[in-house]
Amino acid sequence: MTSSFVIVIAGPTGVGKTTLSKILSKHFNWTYLSEDAIAKEIFLDVYKNIEDFPDKVKIVGSQLLKRTKEIFNNGECVVIDWINLEKEFIEEIIKAFHKHLILKVLWSPMAVIIKRDKNRGGWSSGEDTIRRYYKKYKELKLIIGERNYIDNSYQTPEETLEKFIVNIEQNKQQLSTNKL
C-alpha cells in the first residue's frame, strides 16, 4: 500500500474544520485544500452562499476532486477542508481513493457550534446556516457512519488534533480493509 492518502475533514460550519485541517496539514507537512478557497477562486460573487447554488457546488466539488487526484497521484498526502459534502461526492471520493481515504466529520452540539460561530473574529455564518448544515450532517451520519464523527466539543484545536491523530492511527487498519 502506498503511504499517500487523502483525509477529508467535513462538518457543519463553525465546528473547527478549517482550523484542524490547517493545523494537521502543517503538523505533517501535507497539502491542504479548501473547498471554500476553491469556491472563492471560481465564484467570487457567490462563494459565501454557494450552498444556494447546487450547480456551482458541483463544479467546486469536481474541481476539488481533480486537484486532490493530481496531488495524490504525485505521491503526496492531502488534507481536504470540505463543508458542502454531498452523498454523490462521498461515493466519488470512495471510488477515487478507495483504501487511501480517511473521511471524518467534526461534530459538536449545535449550541456549541453557534457559540463558536458568534465568537469568530471578523465574520459569522449565522444560526440559520449552522442549522442547515447541522441537519445535513445529521442525515449523512447514516452514510458516513457514526464511528467517523469526532466530537470536538469543549476542546482546543490542539486537543482535537491529538484526538484526530489517534483516530488516524486507528483508521490505518480500516484503510487496508477498505472501510471509511
Protein backbone atom coordinates (compact mmCIF):
# COMPACT_ATOMS: atom_id res chain seq x y z
CA MET A 1 0.00 0.00 0.00
CA THR A 2 1.27 3.45 -0.88
CA SER A 3 1.99 5.79 2.01
CA SER A 4 -0.05 8.58 0.38
CA PHE A 5 -3.60 9.09 1.49
CA VAL A 6 -6.43 11.59 1.48
CA ILE A 7 -8.04 12.91 4.65
CA VAL A 8 -11.38 14.66 4.30
CA ILE A 9 -12.41 16.75 7.29
CA ALA A 10 -16.04 17.70 6.97
CA GLY A 11 -18.79 19.02 9.20
CA PRO A 12 -21.13 21.92 9.83
CA THR A 13 -19.91 25.48 9.57
CA GLY A 14 -18.24 26.69 12.77
CA VAL A 15 -17.25 23.24 14.03
CA GLY A 16 -13.50 23.76 13.52
CA LYS A 17 -12.79 22.06 10.17
CA THR A 18 -10.58 24.77 8.78
CA THR A 19 -8.60 25.19 11.99
CA LEU A 20 -7.99 21.45 12.35
CA SER A 21 -7.26 20.94 8.64
CA LYS A 22 -4.64 23.70 8.62
CA ILE A 23 -3.00 22.52 11.86
CA LEU A 24 -2.97 18.90 10.66
CA SER A 25 -1.51 19.73 7.26
CA LYS A 26 1.15 21.98 8.82
CA HIS A 27 1.98 19.42 11.53
CA PHE A 28 2.67 16.69 8.96
CA ASN A 29 3.68 18.92 6.03
CA TRP A 30 0.75 17.63 3.96
CA THR A 31 -1.03 19.54 1.22
CA TYR A 32 -4.08 21.50 2.38
CA LEU A 33 -7.07 22.02 0.07
CA SER A 34 -10.11 24.06 0.98
CA GLU A 35 -13.48 23.84 -0.68
CA ASP A 36 -14.14 27.42 0.45
CA ALA A 37 -10.92 28.67 -1.18
CA ILE A 38 -11.76 26.95 -4.45
CA ALA A 39 -15.32 28.33 -4.34
CA LYS A 40 -13.93 31.82 -3.72
CA GLU A 41 -11.47 31.40 -6.58
CA ILE A 42 -14.08 30.25 -9.09
CA PHE A 43 -17.26 32.03 -7.90
CA LEU A 44 -16.14 35.13 -6.01
CA ASP A 45 -19.58 36.73 -6.39
CA VAL A 46 -21.49 33.94 -4.60
CA TYR A 47 -18.97 31.84 -2.66
CA LYS A 48 -20.30 32.89 0.77
CA ASN A 49 -23.72 31.48 -0.11
CA ILE A 50 -22.64 28.84 -2.59
CA GLU A 51 -24.85 26.21 -0.94
CA ASP A 52 -27.76 28.12 -2.53
CA PHE A 53 -26.39 27.23 -5.99
CA PRO A 54 -26.25 23.41 -6.29
CA ASP A 55 -24.82 23.57 -9.82
CA LYS A 56 -21.90 25.68 -8.57
CA VAL A 57 -21.39 23.38 -5.56
CA LYS A 58 -20.96 20.51 -8.03
CA ILE A 59 -18.41 22.46 -10.07
CA VAL A 60 -16.42 23.31 -6.96
CA GLY A 61 -16.61 19.71 -5.76
CA SER A 62 -15.40 18.45 -9.15
CA GLN A 63 -12.51 20.91 -9.10
CA LEU A 64 -11.62 19.87 -5.55
CA LEU A 65 -11.60 16.20 -6.57
CA LYS A 66 -9.50 16.95 -9.65
CA ARG A 67 -6.88 18.83 -7.62
CA THR A 68 -6.86 16.15 -4.94
CA LYS A 69 -6.24 13.43 -7.53
CA GLU A 70 -3.36 15.39 -9.06
CA ILE A 71 -1.67 15.87 -5.69
CA PHE A 72 -2.33 12.29 -4.57
CA ASN A 73 -1.03 10.89 -7.85
CA ASN A 74 2.15 12.89 -7.22
CA GLY A 75 2.68 10.78 -4.09
CA GLU A 76 1.60 13.42 -1.58
CA CYS A 77 -0.90 13.26 1.27
CA VAL A 78 -3.82 15.65 1.08
CA VAL A 79 -6.00 17.18 3.80
CA ILE A 80 -9.32 18.49 2.50
CA ASP A 81 -11.46 21.01 4.36
CA TRP A 82 -14.92 20.29 2.90
CA ILE A 83 -18.25 21.76 4.05
CA ASN A 84 -20.61 21.06 1.12
CA LEU A 85 -20.06 17.33 1.18
CA GLU A 86 -22.89 15.52 -0.59
CA LYS A 87 -23.70 11.82 -0.93
CA GLU A 88 -22.63 11.95 -4.58
CA PHE A 89 -19.18 13.27 -3.65
CA ILE A 90 -18.79 10.76 -0.84
CA GLU A 91 -19.30 7.99 -3.38
CA GLU A 92 -16.84 9.64 -5.79
CA ILE A 93 -14.06 10.05 -3.22
CA ILE A 94 -14.51 6.49 -2.01
CA LYS A 95 -14.25 5.26 -5.60
CA ALA A 96 -11.27 7.51 -6.38
CA PHE A 97 -9.18 6.86 -3.26
CA HIS A 98 -10.52 3.52 -2.11
CA LYS A 99 -8.13 2.22 0.56
CA HIS A 100 -6.29 5.53 0.81
CA LEU A 101 -9.16 7.59 2.21
CA ILE A 102 -9.94 8.76 5.73
CA LEU A 103 -13.23 10.66 5.97
CA LYS A 104 -14.06 12.28 9.31
CA VAL A 105 -16.75 14.69 10.41
CA LEU A 106 -16.11 17.08 13.26
CA TRP A 107 -19.21 17.17 15.40
CA SER A 108 -20.34 19.18 18.41
CA PRO A 109 -23.75 20.02 19.85
CA MET A 110 -25.42 22.76 17.85
CA ALA A 111 -25.31 25.18 20.81
CA VAL A 112 -21.51 24.81 20.98
CA ILE A 113 -21.15 25.47 17.24
CA ILE A 114 -23.41 28.52 17.40
CA LYS A 115 -21.36 29.92 20.29
CA ARG A 116 -18.08 29.31 18.41
CA ASP A 117 -19.52 30.98 15.33
CA LYS A 118 -20.53 34.07 17.31
CA ASN A 119 -17.02 34.30 18.79
CA ARG A 120 -15.22 34.19 15.41
CA GLY A 121 -13.17 37.20 14.59
CA GLY A 122 -14.45 39.25 11.71
CA TRP A 123 -17.34 37.19 10.37
CA SER A 124 -20.11 34.76 11.29
CA SER A 125 -22.05 32.14 9.35
CA GLY A 126 -25.21 32.74 11.35
CA GLU A 127 -27.59 30.39 13.12
CA ASP A 128 -29.72 29.61 10.05
CA THR A 129 -26.70 28.42 8.06
CA ILE A 130 -25.42 26.40 11.01
CA ARG A 131 -28.82 24.76 11.45
CA ARG A 132 -28.98 23.81 7.72
CA TYR A 133 -25.53 22.23 7.74
CA TYR A 134 -26.13 20.57 11.09
CA LYS A 135 -29.27 18.90 9.72
CA LYS A 136 -27.42 17.86 6.56
CA TYR A 137 -24.58 16.22 8.51
CA LYS A 138 -27.02 14.54 10.86
CA GLU A 139 -28.60 12.90 7.79
CA LEU A 140 -25.19 11.98 6.32
CA LYS A 141 -24.32 10.09 9.51
CA LEU A 142 -26.10 7.04 8.07
CA ILE A 143 -23.81 7.10 5.02
CA ILE A 144 -20.55 8.19 6.64
CA GLY A 145 -21.03 6.14 9.80
CA GLU A 146 -21.19 7.15 13.44
CA ARG A 147 -17.60 5.96 14.06
CA ASN A 148 -16.38 8.64 11.64
CA TYR A 149 -17.89 11.50 13.63
CA ILE A 150 -15.44 13.04 16.07
CA ASP A 151 -16.87 15.03 18.94
CA ASN A 152 -14.66 18.07 19.47
CA SER A 153 -16.91 19.83 21.96
CA TYR A 154 -15.12 21.91 24.55
CA GLN A 155 -11.68 21.12 23.11
CA THR A 156 -8.93 23.40 21.99
CA PRO A 157 -7.74 22.90 18.41
CA GLU A 158 -4.59 21.25 19.83
CA GLU A 159 -6.66 18.78 21.86
CA THR A 160 -8.74 18.00 18.78
CA LEU A 161 -5.50 17.47 16.81
CA GLU A 162 -4.26 14.95 19.38
CA LYS A 163 -7.60 13.14 19.28
CA PHE A 164 -7.57 13.22 15.48
CA ILE A 165 -4.04 11.79 15.24
CA VAL A 166 -5.06 8.89 17.50
CA ASN A 167 -8.13 8.41 15.31
CA ILE A 168 -5.97 8.37 12.15
CA GLU A 169 -3.72 5.71 13.65
CA GLN A 170 -6.78 3.59 14.46
CA ASN A 171 -8.02 4.05 10.91
CA LYS A 172 -4.85 2.72 9.29
CA GLN A 173 -6.28 -0.74 9.95
CA GLN A 174 -9.53 0.24 8.27
CA LEU A 175 -7.71 1.59 5.21
CA SER A 176 -6.34 -1.85 4.47
CA THR A 177 -9.82 -3.38 4.71
CA ASN A 178 -11.50 -0.73 2.51
CA LYS A 179 -13.65 0.88 5.19
CA LEU A 180 -14.13 4.60 5.77
